[in-house]
All heavy atoms as atom14 arrays in JSON, in Angstrom:
{
  "sequence": "RDEEGVFENNRVTCRFKRPVYVPREETIVDLHLSWYYLFAWGP",
  "atom14_mask": [
    [1, 1, 1, 1, 1, 1, 1, 1, 1, 1, 1, 0, 0, 0],
    [1, 1, 1, 1, 1, 1, 1, 1, 0, 0, 0, 0, 0, 0],
    [1, 1, 1, 1, 1, 1, 1, 1, 1, 0, 0, 0, 0, 0],
    [1, 1, 1, 1, 1, 1, 1, 1, 1, 0, 0, 0, 0, 0],
    [1, 1, 1, 1, 0, 0, 0, 0, 0, 0, 0, 0, 0, 0],
    [1, 1, 1, 1, 1, 1, 1, 0, 0, 0, 0, 0, 0, 0],
    [1, 1, 1, 1, 1, 1, 1, 1, 1, 1, 1, 0, 0, 0],
    [1, 1, 1, 1, 1, 1, 1, 1, 1, 0, 0, 0, 0, 0],
    [1, 1, 1, 1, 1, 1, 1, 1, 0, 0, 0, 0, 0, 0],
    [1, 1, 1, 1, 1, 1, 1, 1, 0, 0, 0, 0, 0, 0],
    [1, 1, 1, 1, 1, 1, 1, 1, 1, 1, 1, 0, 0, 0],
    [1, 1, 1, 1, 1, 1, 1, 0, 0, 0, 0, 0, 0, 0],
    [1, 1, 1, 1, 1, 1, 1, 0, 0, 0, 0, 0, 0, 0],
    [1, 1, 1, 1, 1, 1, 0, 0, 0, 0, 0, 0, 0, 0],
    [1, 1, 1, 1, 1, 1, 1, 1, 1, 1, 1, 0, 0, 0],
    [1, 1, 1, 1, 1, 1, 1, 1, 1, 1, 1, 0, 0, 0],
    [1, 1, 1, 1, 1, 1, 1, 1, 1, 0, 0, 0, 0, 0],
    [1, 1, 1, 1, 1, 1, 1, 1, 1, 1, 1, 0, 0, 0],
    [1, 1, 1, 1, 1, 1, 1, 0, 0, 0, 0, 0, 0, 0],
    [1, 1, 1, 1, 1, 1, 1, 0, 0, 0, 0, 0, 0, 0],
    [1, 1, 1, 1, 1, 1, 1, 1, 1, 1, 1, 1, 0, 0],
    [1, 1, 1, 1, 1, 1, 1, 0, 0, 0, 0, 0, 0, 0],
    [1, 1, 1, 1, 1, 1, 1, 0, 0, 0, 0, 0, 0, 0],
    [1, 1, 1, 1, 1, 1, 1, 1, 1, 1, 1, 0, 0, 0],
    [1, 1, 1, 1, 1, 1, 1, 1, 1, 0, 0, 0, 0, 0],
    [1, 1, 1, 1, 1, 1, 1, 1, 1, 0, 0, 0, 0, 0],
    [1, 1, 1, 1, 1, 1, 1, 0, 0, 0, 0, 0, 0, 0],
    [1, 1, 1, 1, 1, 1, 1, 1, 0, 0, 0, 0, 0, 0],
    [1, 1, 1, 1, 1, 1, 1, 0, 0, 0, 0, 0, 0, 0],
    [1, 1, 1, 1, 1, 1, 1, 1, 0, 0, 0, 0, 0, 0],
    [1, 1, 1, 1, 1, 1, 1, 1, 0, 0, 0, 0, 0, 0],
    [1, 1, 1, 1, 1, 1, 1, 1, 1, 1, 0, 0, 0, 0],
    [1, 1, 1, 1, 1, 1, 1, 1, 0, 0, 0, 0, 0, 0],
    [1, 1, 1, 1, 1, 1, 0, 0, 0, 0, 0, 0, 0, 0],
    [1, 1, 1, 1, 1, 1, 1, 1, 1, 1, 1, 1, 1, 1],
    [1, 1, 1, 1, 1, 1, 1, 1, 1, 1, 1, 1, 0, 0],
    [1, 1, 1, 1, 1, 1, 1, 1, 1, 1, 1, 1, 0, 0],
    [1, 1, 1, 1, 1, 1, 1, 1, 0, 0, 0, 0, 0, 0],
    [1, 1, 1, 1, 1, 1, 1, 1, 1, 1, 1, 0, 0, 0],
    [1, 1, 1, 1, 1, 0, 0, 0, 0, 0, 0, 0, 0, 0],
    [1, 1, 1, 1, 1, 1, 1, 1, 1, 1, 1, 1, 1, 1],
    [1, 1, 1, 1, 0, 0, 0, 0, 0, 0, 0, 0, 0, 0],
    [1, 1, 1, 1, 1, 1, 1, 0, 0, 0, 0, 0, 0, 0]
  ],
  "atom14_positions": [
    [[0.85, -1.3, 0.01], [0.02, 0.04, -0.04], [0.89, 1.23, 0.0], [2.03, 1.11, 0.15], [-0.97, -0.04, 1.22], [-0.31, -0.1, 2.63], [-1.31, -0.38, 3.54], [-0.91, -0.55, 4.9], [-1.52, -1.35, 5.84], [-2.62, -1.99, 5.42], [-1.04, -1.5, 7.06], [0.0, 0.0, 0.0], [0.0, 0.0, 0.0], [0.0, 0.0, 0.0]],
    [[0.24, 2.33, -0.27], [1.08, 3.66, -0.44], [2.16, 3.45, -1.3], [3.33, 4.0, -1.01], [1.56, 4.16, 1.04], [0.45, 4.43, 1.98], [-0.73, 4.61, 1.51], [0.69, 4.42, 3.16], [0.0, 0.0, 0.0], [0.0, 0.0, 0.0], [0.0, 0.0, 0.0], [0.0, 0.0, 0.0], [0.0, 0.0, 0.0], [0.0, 0.0, 0.0]],
    [[1.99, 2.88, -2.44], [3.01, 2.57, -3.4], [3.21, 3.78, -4.26], [2.4, 4.49, -4.67], [2.65, 1.33, -4.17], [1.43, 1.52, -5.07], [1.09, 0.29, -5.92], [0.71, -0.84, -5.26], [1.37, 0.27, -7.16], [0.0, 0.0, 0.0], [0.0, 0.0, 0.0], [0.0, 0.0, 0.0], [0.0, 0.0, 0.0], [0.0, 0.0, 0.0]],
    [[4.51, 3.9, -4.62], [4.93, 4.88, -5.63], [6.22, 4.44, -6.37], [7.01, 3.72, -5.72], [5.12, 6.3, -4.91], [6.14, 6.23, -3.71], [6.35, 7.55, -3.14], [6.26, 8.53, -3.84], [6.5, 7.65, -1.94], [0.0, 0.0, 0.0], [0.0, 0.0, 0.0], [0.0, 0.0, 0.0], [0.0, 0.0, 0.0], [0.0, 0.0, 0.0]],
    [[6.42, 4.88, -7.43], [7.62, 4.28, -8.24], [7.97, 5.23, -9.43], [7.13, 6.12, -9.92], [0.0, 0.0, 0.0], [0.0, 0.0, 0.0], [0.0, 0.0, 0.0], [0.0, 0.0, 0.0], [0.0, 0.0, 0.0], [0.0, 0.0, 0.0], [0.0, 0.0, 0.0], [0.0, 0.0, 0.0], [0.0, 0.0, 0.0], [0.0, 0.0, 0.0]],
    [[9.12, 5.2, -9.86], [9.63, 6.06, -10.99], [10.68, 5.3, -11.76], [11.41, 4.41, -11.22], [10.12, 7.32, -10.39], [11.44, 7.11, -9.68], [10.39, 8.38, -11.62], [0.0, 0.0, 0.0], [0.0, 0.0, 0.0], [0.0, 0.0, 0.0], [0.0, 0.0, 0.0], [0.0, 0.0, 0.0], [0.0, 0.0, 0.0], [0.0, 0.0, 0.0]],
    [[10.7, 5.52, -13.11], [11.81, 5.11, -13.91], [12.49, 6.26, -14.48], [11.93, 7.01, -15.29], [11.18, 4.2, -15.04], [12.22, 3.77, -16.14], [13.08, 2.87, -15.73], [12.19, 4.3, -17.39], [14.18, 2.36, -16.53], [13.14, 3.78, -18.25], [14.17, 2.82, -17.89], [0.0, 0.0, 0.0], [0.0, 0.0, 0.0], [0.0, 0.0, 0.0]],
    [[13.72, 6.34, -14.05], [14.58, 7.54, -14.51], [15.97, 7.09, -14.7], [16.49, 6.24, -13.85], [14.55, 8.76, -13.43], [13.24, 9.41, -13.41], [13.22, 10.61, -12.34], [14.18, 10.64, -11.48], [12.37, 11.38, -12.5], [0.0, 0.0, 0.0], [0.0, 0.0, 0.0], [0.0, 0.0, 0.0], [0.0, 0.0, 0.0], [0.0, 0.0, 0.0]],
    [[16.71, 7.53, -15.62], [18.13, 7.37, -15.81], [18.4, 5.77, -15.87], [19.4, 5.31, -15.23], [18.96, 8.0, -14.74], [18.77, 9.5, -14.5], [18.68, 10.13, -15.66], [18.66, 9.98, -13.45], [0.0, 0.0, 0.0], [0.0, 0.0, 0.0], [0.0, 0.0, 0.0], [0.0, 0.0, 0.0], [0.0, 0.0, 0.0], [0.0, 0.0, 0.0]],
    [[17.46, 5.01, -16.55], [17.61, 3.66, -16.74], [17.52, 2.88, -15.3], [18.26, 1.86, -15.2], [18.79, 3.27, -17.5], [18.7, 1.93, -18.12], [17.73, 1.62, -18.81], [19.77, 1.09, -17.96], [0.0, 0.0, 0.0], [0.0, 0.0, 0.0], [0.0, 0.0, 0.0], [0.0, 0.0, 0.0], [0.0, 0.0, 0.0], [0.0, 0.0, 0.0]],
    [[16.86, 3.52, -14.41], [16.68, 2.76, -13.08], [15.3, 2.69, -12.73], [14.54, 3.71, -12.89], [17.55, 3.64, -11.99], [19.03, 3.72, -12.05], [19.59, 4.4, -10.84], [19.47, 3.36, -9.68], [20.37, 2.49, -9.34], [21.44, 2.26, -10.05], [20.11, 1.65, -8.15], [0.0, 0.0, 0.0], [0.0, 0.0, 0.0], [0.0, 0.0, 0.0]],
    [[14.9, 1.55, -12.18], [13.58, 1.43, -11.49], [13.69, 1.7, -10.0], [14.61, 1.07, -9.36], [13.12, 0.03, -11.81], [11.7, -0.23, -11.03], [12.95, -0.24, -13.3], [0.0, 0.0, 0.0], [0.0, 0.0, 0.0], [0.0, 0.0, 0.0], [0.0, 0.0, 0.0], [0.0, 0.0, 0.0], [0.0, 0.0, 0.0], [0.0, 0.0, 0.0]],
    [[12.95, 2.55, -9.5], [13.07, 3.0, -8.15], [11.57, 2.95, -7.57], [10.72, 3.49, -8.26], [13.74, 4.31, -7.92], [15.01, 4.26, -8.47], [13.78, 4.57, -6.43], [0.0, 0.0, 0.0], [0.0, 0.0, 0.0], [0.0, 0.0, 0.0], [0.0, 0.0, 0.0], [0.0, 0.0, 0.0], [0.0, 0.0, 0.0], [0.0, 0.0, 0.0]],
    [[11.41, 2.52, -6.43], [10.02, 2.42, -5.75], [10.1, 2.58, -4.28], [11.08, 2.3, -3.63], [9.32, 1.1, -6.28], [9.96, -0.33, -5.59], [0.0, 0.0, 0.0], [0.0, 0.0, 0.0], [0.0, 0.0, 0.0], [0.0, 0.0, 0.0], [0.0, 0.0, 0.0], [0.0, 0.0, 0.0], [0.0, 0.0, 0.0], [0.0, 0.0, 0.0]],
    [[8.94, 2.75, -3.76], [8.7, 2.81, -2.26], [7.18, 2.36, -2.07], [6.35, 2.65, -2.69], [8.84, 4.27, -1.82], [8.79, 4.62, -0.34], [8.89, 6.01, -0.06], [10.15, 6.46, -0.21], [10.48, 7.44, -1.17], [9.53, 7.96, -1.97], [11.67, 7.78, -1.33], [0.0, 0.0, 0.0], [0.0, 0.0, 0.0], [0.0, 0.0, 0.0]],
    [[7.2, 1.48, -1.02], [5.79, 1.02, -0.61], [5.8, 0.63, 0.91], [6.94, 0.3, 1.44], [5.38, -0.08, -1.47], [6.24, -1.25, -1.46], [6.0, -2.38, -0.52], [7.39, -1.48, -2.32], [6.85, -3.49, -0.52], [8.18, -2.62, -2.17], [7.98, -3.6, -1.33], [0.0, 0.0, 0.0], [0.0, 0.0, 0.0], [0.0, 0.0, 0.0]],
    [[4.67, 0.44, 1.39], [4.48, -0.18, 2.74], [3.76, -1.51, 2.65], [2.91, -1.69, 1.72], [3.77, 0.82, 3.69], [4.44, 2.1, 3.82], [3.5, 2.96, 4.9], [4.02, 4.32, 5.08], [3.65, 5.2, 3.93], [0.0, 0.0, 0.0], [0.0, 0.0, 0.0], [0.0, 0.0, 0.0], [0.0, 0.0, 0.0], [0.0, 0.0, 0.0]],
    [[4.04, -2.44, 3.71], [3.27, -3.58, 3.84], [3.08, -3.92, 5.34], [4.04, -3.42, 6.05], [3.74, -4.77, 3.06], [5.18, -5.24, 3.37], [5.41, -6.55, 2.66], [5.1, -7.68, 3.41], [5.17, -8.93, 2.88], [5.54, -9.1, 1.65], [4.91, -10.03, 3.59], [0.0, 0.0, 0.0], [0.0, 0.0, 0.0], [0.0, 0.0, 0.0]],
    [[2.07, -4.52, 5.85], [1.9, -4.71, 7.23], [3.08, -5.56, 7.72], [3.5, -6.51, 7.07], [0.51, -5.38, 7.26], [-0.1, -5.09, 6.05], [0.93, -5.04, 5.17], [0.0, 0.0, 0.0], [0.0, 0.0, 0.0], [0.0, 0.0, 0.0], [0.0, 0.0, 0.0], [0.0, 0.0, 0.0], [0.0, 0.0, 0.0], [0.0, 0.0, 0.0]],
    [[3.38, -5.32, 9.04], [4.43, -6.09, 9.7], [3.65, -7.56, 9.89], [4.36, -8.52, 9.65], [4.76, -5.51, 11.05], [5.61, -6.54, 11.88], [5.46, -4.2, 10.9], [0.0, 0.0, 0.0], [0.0, 0.0, 0.0], [0.0, 0.0, 0.0], [0.0, 0.0, 0.0], [0.0, 0.0, 0.0], [0.0, 0.0, 0.0], [0.0, 0.0, 0.0]],
    [[2.52, -7.54, 10.35], [1.92, -8.78, 10.57], [0.64, -9.06, 9.76], [-0.11, -8.09, 9.56], [1.43, -8.87, 12.09], [0.6, -10.11, 12.48], [1.23, -11.36, 12.55], [-0.72, -10.0, 12.52], [0.51, -12.47, 12.83], [-1.57, -11.12, 12.77], [-1.02, -12.4, 12.82], [-1.73, -13.59, 13.13], [0.0, 0.0, 0.0], [0.0, 0.0, 0.0]],
    [[0.57, -10.16, 9.1], [-0.67, -10.54, 8.36], [-1.2, -11.85, 8.92], [-0.42, -12.65, 9.38], [-0.44, -10.71, 6.88], [0.03, -9.31, 6.32], [0.65, -11.72, 6.58], [0.0, 0.0, 0.0], [0.0, 0.0, 0.0], [0.0, 0.0, 0.0], [0.0, 0.0, 0.0], [0.0, 0.0, 0.0], [0.0, 0.0, 0.0], [0.0, 0.0, 0.0]],
    [[-2.53, -12.13, 8.8], [-3.04, -13.51, 9.22], [-2.26, -14.51, 8.49], [-1.78, -14.41, 7.28], [-4.49, -13.44, 8.76], [-4.82, -12.11, 8.78], [-3.59, -11.26, 8.35], [0.0, 0.0, 0.0], [0.0, 0.0, 0.0], [0.0, 0.0, 0.0], [0.0, 0.0, 0.0], [0.0, 0.0, 0.0], [0.0, 0.0, 0.0], [0.0, 0.0, 0.0]],
    [[-2.05, -15.66, 9.12], [-1.24, -16.66, 8.57], [-1.61, -17.04, 7.16], [-2.82, -17.48, 6.91], [-1.24, -18.0, 9.55], [-0.37, -19.11, 9.03], [-0.37, -20.21, 9.97], [0.46, -21.34, 9.53], [1.76, -21.32, 9.66], [2.48, -20.4, 10.16], [2.5, -22.44, 9.22], [0.0, 0.0, 0.0], [0.0, 0.0, 0.0], [0.0, 0.0, 0.0]],
    [[-0.64, -17.07, 6.27], [-0.92, -17.51, 4.8], [0.3, -17.91, 4.23], [1.44, -17.25, 4.45], [-1.52, -16.28, 4.1], [-1.83, -16.67, 2.64], [-2.59, -15.49, 1.84], [-3.4, -14.81, 2.55], [-2.31, -15.31, 0.68], [0.0, 0.0, 0.0], [0.0, 0.0, 0.0], [0.0, 0.0, 0.0], [0.0, 0.0, 0.0], [0.0, 0.0, 0.0]],
    [[0.28, -18.81, 3.38], [1.62, -19.43, 2.93], [2.37, -18.46, 2.06], [3.63, -18.33, 2.12], [1.22, -20.51, 2.0], [2.51, -21.3, 1.47], [2.18, -22.4, 0.54], [1.0, -22.64, 0.13], [3.02, -23.2, 0.06], [0.0, 0.0, 0.0], [0.0, 0.0, 0.0], [0.0, 0.0, 0.0], [0.0, 0.0, 0.0], [0.0, 0.0, 0.0]],
    [[1.71, -17.52, 1.33], [2.43, -16.71, 0.36], [2.74, -15.35, 0.89], [3.54, -14.58, 0.2], [1.54, -16.47, -0.83], [0.31, -15.85, -0.49], [1.18, -17.77, -1.61], [0.0, 0.0, 0.0], [0.0, 0.0, 0.0], [0.0, 0.0, 0.0], [0.0, 0.0, 0.0], [0.0, 0.0, 0.0], [0.0, 0.0, 0.0], [0.0, 0.0, 0.0]],
    [[2.33, -15.04, 2.14], [2.77, -13.75, 2.76], [3.35, -14.1, 4.15], [2.7, -14.58, 5.0], [1.53, -12.83, 2.98], [0.88, -12.64, 1.59], [2.02, -11.63, 3.46], [-0.36, -11.82, 1.69], [0.0, 0.0, 0.0], [0.0, 0.0, 0.0], [0.0, 0.0, 0.0], [0.0, 0.0, 0.0], [0.0, 0.0, 0.0], [0.0, 0.0, 0.0]],
    [[4.66, -13.64, 4.31], [5.34, -14.01, 5.6], [5.06, -12.94, 6.6], [4.55, -11.83, 6.32], [6.87, -14.14, 5.34], [7.21, -15.21, 4.26], [7.48, -12.82, 4.93], [0.0, 0.0, 0.0], [0.0, 0.0, 0.0], [0.0, 0.0, 0.0], [0.0, 0.0, 0.0], [0.0, 0.0, 0.0], [0.0, 0.0, 0.0], [0.0, 0.0, 0.0]],
    [[5.37, -13.34, 7.89], [5.18, -12.37, 8.99], [6.51, -11.78, 9.19], [7.44, -12.28, 9.51], [4.72, -13.35, 10.19], [4.51, -12.37, 11.44], [4.8, -11.28, 11.4], [4.2, -13.05, 12.51], [0.0, 0.0, 0.0], [0.0, 0.0, 0.0], [0.0, 0.0, 0.0], [0.0, 0.0, 0.0], [0.0, 0.0, 0.0], [0.0, 0.0, 0.0]],
    [[6.51, -10.38, 9.07], [7.77, -9.66, 9.12], [8.17, -9.46, 10.57], [9.23, -8.87, 10.83], [7.61, -8.37, 8.39], [7.5, -8.48, 6.84], [7.3, -7.12, 6.21], [8.73, -9.13, 6.26], [0.0, 0.0, 0.0], [0.0, 0.0, 0.0], [0.0, 0.0, 0.0], [0.0, 0.0, 0.0], [0.0, 0.0, 0.0], [0.0, 0.0, 0.0]],
    [[7.35, -9.91, 11.53], [7.85, -9.88, 12.91], [9.0, -10.91, 13.16], [9.94, -10.62, 13.84], [6.71, -10.31, 13.91], [5.82, -9.23, 14.28], [6.29, -8.12, 15.0], [4.44, -9.04, 14.17], [5.27, -7.38, 15.3], [4.17, -7.89, 14.83], [0.0, 0.0, 0.0], [0.0, 0.0, 0.0], [0.0, 0.0, 0.0], [0.0, 0.0, 0.0]],
    [[9.02, -11.91, 12.23], [10.03, -12.88, 12.22], [11.18, -12.52, 11.36], [11.07, -11.42, 10.56], [9.44, -14.19, 11.74], [8.18, -14.74, 12.49], [7.78, -15.98, 11.77], [8.65, -15.01, 14.08], [0.0, 0.0, 0.0], [0.0, 0.0, 0.0], [0.0, 0.0, 0.0], [0.0, 0.0, 0.0], [0.0, 0.0, 0.0], [0.0, 0.0, 0.0]],
    [[12.27, -13.1, 11.41], [13.45, -12.76, 10.7], [13.66, -13.71, 9.47], [13.32, -14.9, 9.61], [14.75, -12.86, 11.57], [14.77, -11.93, 12.63], [0.0, 0.0, 0.0], [0.0, 0.0, 0.0], [0.0, 0.0, 0.0], [0.0, 0.0, 0.0], [0.0, 0.0, 0.0], [0.0, 0.0, 0.0], [0.0, 0.0, 0.0], [0.0, 0.0, 0.0]],
    [[14.04, -13.14, 8.34], [14.26, -13.82, 7.28], [15.58, -13.53, 6.41], [15.91, -12.5, 6.58], [13.0, -13.58, 6.26], [11.58, -13.74, 6.91], [10.98, -12.88, 7.52], [10.88, -15.07, 6.9], [9.7, -13.5, 8.0], [9.7, -14.81, 7.63], [11.07, -16.29, 6.33], [8.73, -15.8, 7.75], [10.2, -17.21, 6.53], [8.95, -16.95, 7.24]],
    [[15.98, -14.44, 5.62], [16.97, -14.02, 4.67], [16.37, -13.24, 3.52], [15.23, -13.5, 3.1], [17.62, -15.31, 3.94], [18.46, -16.13, 4.98], [17.99, -17.37, 5.48], [19.75, -15.77, 5.44], [18.68, -18.17, 6.37], [20.46, -16.46, 6.24], [19.87, -17.65, 6.78], [20.72, -18.41, 7.6], [0.0, 0.0, 0.0], [0.0, 0.0, 0.0]],
    [[17.07, -12.24, 3.08], [16.52, -11.42, 1.98], [17.33, -11.73, 0.71], [18.45, -11.88, 0.66], [16.74, -9.86, 2.35], [15.83, -9.27, 3.42], [15.06, -10.06, 4.22], [15.66, -7.89, 3.46], [14.17, -9.5, 5.09], [14.8, -7.24, 4.4], [14.13, -8.09, 5.14], [13.19, -7.55, 6.03], [0.0, 0.0, 0.0], [0.0, 0.0, 0.0]],
    [[16.46, -11.99, -0.22], [16.93, -12.38, -1.56], [16.72, -11.03, -2.46], [15.73, -10.36, -2.47], [16.09, -13.38, -2.22], [15.88, -14.67, -1.36], [15.01, -15.64, -2.12], [17.15, -15.37, -1.04], [0.0, 0.0, 0.0], [0.0, 0.0, 0.0], [0.0, 0.0, 0.0], [0.0, 0.0, 0.0], [0.0, 0.0, 0.0], [0.0, 0.0, 0.0]],
    [[17.85, -10.59, -3.16], [17.8, -9.39, -3.83], [17.96, -9.8, -5.42], [18.91, -10.57, -5.73], [19.05, -8.52, -3.5], [19.11, -8.37, -1.92], [20.24, -8.81, -1.34], [18.15, -7.69, -1.28], [20.44, -8.6, 0.01], [18.28, -7.49, 0.11], [19.37, -7.96, 0.71], [0.0, 0.0, 0.0], [0.0, 0.0, 0.0], [0.0, 0.0, 0.0]],
    [[17.1, -9.25, -6.21], [17.1, -9.67, -7.6], [16.54, -8.44, -8.49], [15.77, -7.58, -8.01], [16.22, -10.85, -7.8], [0.0, 0.0, 0.0], [0.0, 0.0, 0.0], [0.0, 0.0, 0.0], [0.0, 0.0, 0.0], [0.0, 0.0, 0.0], [0.0, 0.0, 0.0], [0.0, 0.0, 0.0], [0.0, 0.0, 0.0], [0.0, 0.0, 0.0]],
    [[16.94, -8.39, -9.71], [16.47, -7.37, -10.7], [16.65, -7.89, -12.14], [17.45, -8.86, -12.28], [17.14, -6.01, -10.41], [18.74, -6.14, -10.68], [19.43, -5.8, -11.89], [19.63, -6.61, -9.85], [20.79, -6.04, -11.63], [21.02, -6.54, -10.44], [19.63, -7.12, -8.37], [22.11, -6.88, -9.72], [20.83, -7.51, -7.84], [22.06, -7.42, -8.46]],
    [[15.9, -7.37, -13.0], [16.22, -7.84, -14.42], [15.21, -7.2, -15.32], [14.52, -6.2, -14.98], [0.0, 0.0, 0.0], [0.0, 0.0, 0.0], [0.0, 0.0, 0.0], [0.0, 0.0, 0.0], [0.0, 0.0, 0.0], [0.0, 0.0, 0.0], [0.0, 0.0, 0.0], [0.0, 0.0, 0.0], [0.0, 0.0, 0.0], [0.0, 0.0, 0.0]],
    [[15.19, -7.71, -16.63], [14.34, -7.11, -17.65], [12.84, -7.46, -17.44], [12.59, -8.44, -16.95], [15.0, -7.55, -18.93], [15.56, -8.91, -18.54], [16.03, -8.74, -17.19], [0.0, 0.0, 0.0], [0.0, 0.0, 0.0], [0.0, 0.0, 0.0], [0.0, 0.0, 0.0], [0.0, 0.0, 0.0], [0.0, 0.0, 0.0], [0.0, 0.0, 0.0]]
  ]
}
C-alpha cells in the first residue's frame, strides 16, 4: 500500500509499505520474524 515508483536514468526505483503482521498465509510471511533477504532485478 502507499505505493509509488519512478523510472529515471535507466533505473527502476520504488517505495511502498506492507503490514508487519498478516494473518497466517503461505504466500505472505510475517515480518515480525527474521528472514533471509533475496535481492534480484532484471528485464
